[in-house]
Amino acid sequence: MPRRASLHPTQAELEVLNVLWRRGPSTVRQVHRALQADRQTILTTTLKILQVMTDKGLTSRSDTRPHVYSPTIAQAKTQAGLVADLVQRAFDGSVRKLLIRAVEDTKLDPDELREIHRAIGQLRKQTRGEQS
């Protein structure tokens, strides 16, 4: 029986998940080729990572040959869990501290800055609507 999906995939598992989120359902060979673009790895390592991820419930595998792997957890949900963990561990539970650090220490291009302003504006509108 598969174990419960981990809220915090390992770095290698995140790399594989990013490939699957970007490409969609993929074979071991397809995932391996995508990973090869960024780092040297061997096919059996990619296979083992996908097998472990399937055992953990992070991916599912088709019954057909070759096996096709799919993520079982949404990218946004995974990112939210990682951010929540980071906020608790590194920023004493303060999202404000995390955001200030990210904005101060990152070179934001104008498009990224506009997107952040837009997200804040939408949140303000939602908050005002809830207070009415």
Protein backbone atom coordinates (compact mmCIF):
# COMPACT_ATOMS: atom_id res chain seq x y z
CA MET A 1 0.00 0.00 0.00
CA PRO A 2 1.43 3.45 -0.92
CA ARG A 3 2.52 5.69 1.89
CA ARG A 4 0.85 9.06 2.41
CA ALA A 5 2.16 11.78 0.10
CA SER A 6 4.90 13.80 1.70
CA LEU A 7 4.22 17.50 2.11
CA HIS A 8 7.89 18.17 1.48
CA PRO A 9 9.43 16.34 -1.45
CA THR A 10 13.21 16.05 -1.52
CA GLN A 11 15.23 18.22 -3.93
CA ALA A 12 15.52 15.35 -6.43
CA GLU A 13 11.79 14.66 -6.17
CA LEU A 14 11.03 18.35 -6.77
CA GLU A 15 13.17 18.29 -9.90
CA VAL A 16 11.20 15.30 -11.19
CA LEU A 17 7.88 16.89 -10.22
CA ASN A 18 8.84 20.07 -12.06
CA VAL A 19 9.47 18.01 -15.20
CA LEU A 20 6.10 16.26 -14.84
CA TRP A 21 4.24 19.52 -14.17
CA ARG A 22 5.89 21.11 -17.21
CA ARG A 23 5.67 18.15 -19.63
CA GLY A 24 2.63 16.31 -18.32
CA PRO A 25 2.55 12.51 -17.96
CA SER A 26 5.92 11.10 -19.05
CA THR A 27 7.93 7.92 -19.28
CA VAL A 28 11.12 7.39 -17.26
CA ARG A 29 13.18 8.05 -20.40
CA GLN A 30 11.36 11.35 -21.09
CA VAL A 31 11.86 12.52 -17.49
CA HIS A 32 15.49 11.44 -17.63
CA ARG A 33 16.14 13.41 -20.85
CA ALA A 34 14.58 16.53 -19.32
CA LEU A 35 16.72 16.17 -16.17
CA GLN A 36 19.85 15.69 -18.32
CA ALA A 37 19.45 19.27 -19.58
CA ASP A 38 20.37 20.56 -16.10
CA ARG A 39 22.62 17.89 -14.60
CA GLN A 40 24.32 14.57 -15.19
CA THR A 41 22.34 11.60 -13.96
CA ILE A 42 21.86 8.00 -15.00
CA LEU A 43 18.63 6.41 -16.17
CA THR A 44 18.47 3.93 -13.30
CA THR A 45 18.67 6.80 -10.79
CA THR A 46 15.72 8.52 -12.46
CA LEU A 47 13.81 5.24 -12.42
CA LYS A 48 14.53 4.70 -8.72
CA ILE A 49 13.43 8.24 -7.83
CA LEU A 50 10.15 7.73 -9.71
CA GLN A 51 9.60 4.35 -7.99
CA VAL A 52 10.15 5.92 -4.56
CA MET A 53 7.87 8.83 -5.46
CA THR A 54 5.15 6.38 -6.51
CA ASP A 55 5.55 4.49 -3.22
CA LYS A 56 5.24 7.81 -1.35
CA GLY A 57 2.14 8.77 -3.33
CA LEU A 58 3.76 11.74 -5.09
CA THR A 59 3.30 10.15 -8.53
CA SER A 60 1.12 7.50 -10.08
CA ARG A 61 2.20 5.01 -12.74
CA SER A 62 0.23 3.59 -15.65
CA ASP A 63 -0.17 -0.15 -16.11
CA THR A 64 0.96 0.10 -19.75
CA ARG A 65 4.51 -0.42 -21.02
CA PRO A 66 6.50 1.73 -20.98
CA HIS A 67 5.14 3.05 -17.67
CA VAL A 68 3.89 6.62 -17.79
CA TYR A 69 4.24 8.63 -14.58
CA SER A 70 1.97 11.50 -13.52
CA PRO A 71 2.12 13.82 -10.51
CA THR A 72 -0.60 13.17 -7.94
CA ILE A 73 -0.27 16.52 -6.20
CA ALA A 74 -0.79 19.92 -7.79
CA GLN A 75 2.17 22.24 -8.20
CA ALA A 76 0.43 25.05 -6.31
CA LYS A 77 -0.35 22.75 -3.35
CA THR A 78 3.27 21.55 -3.20
CA GLN A 79 4.59 25.11 -3.37
CA ALA A 80 2.15 26.25 -0.67
CA GLY A 81 3.32 23.49 1.66
CA LEU A 82 6.99 24.34 1.07
CA VAL A 83 6.37 28.05 1.62
CA ALA A 84 4.41 27.41 4.82
CA ASP A 85 7.24 25.22 6.12
CA LEU A 86 9.86 27.83 5.19
CA VAL A 87 7.86 30.61 6.88
CA GLN A 88 7.65 28.58 10.09
CA ARG A 89 11.26 27.38 10.15
CA ALA A 90 13.17 30.41 8.87
CA PHE A 91 10.92 33.42 9.49
CA ASP A 92 9.34 32.65 12.87
CA GLY A 93 5.93 32.27 11.25
CA SER A 94 6.01 35.74 9.65
CA VAL A 95 4.99 35.93 5.99
CA ARG A 96 5.81 39.66 6.14
CA LYS A 97 9.45 38.88 6.98
CA LEU A 98 9.65 36.35 4.15
CA LEU A 99 8.22 38.79 1.60
CA ILE A 100 10.44 41.65 2.70
CA ARG A 101 13.52 39.43 2.50
CA ALA A 102 12.50 38.15 -0.93
CA VAL A 103 11.84 41.63 -2.32
CA GLU A 104 14.98 43.17 -0.82
CA ASP A 105 17.33 40.34 -1.80
CA THR A 106 16.00 39.57 -5.28
CA LYS A 107 16.44 41.62 -8.42
CA LEU A 108 12.83 41.90 -9.57
CA ASP A 109 12.20 42.85 -13.18
CA PRO A 110 9.38 45.33 -13.88
CA ASP A 111 6.96 42.56 -14.93
CA GLU A 112 7.52 40.66 -11.66
CA LEU A 113 7.01 43.85 -9.65
CA ARG A 114 3.74 44.61 -11.53
CA GLU A 115 2.54 41.06 -10.86
CA ILE A 116 3.27 41.41 -7.15
CA HIS A 117 1.41 44.74 -7.04
CA ARG A 118 -1.54 43.18 -8.90
CA ALA A 119 -1.69 40.25 -6.44
CA ILE A 120 -1.61 42.64 -3.47
CA GLY A 121 -4.36 44.74 -5.07
CA GLN A 122 -6.56 41.68 -5.58
CA LEU A 123 -6.02 40.60 -1.98
CA ARG A 124 -6.98 44.08 -0.75
CA LYS A 125 -10.21 43.97 -2.79
CA GLN A 126 -11.06 40.53 -1.39
CA THR A 127 -10.35 41.69 2.16
CA ARG A 128 -12.55 44.78 1.73
CA GLY A 129 -15.36 42.63 0.32
CA GLU A 130 -15.23 40.29 3.32
CA GLN A 131 -15.39 43.20 5.79
CA SER A 132 -18.57 44.68 4.24
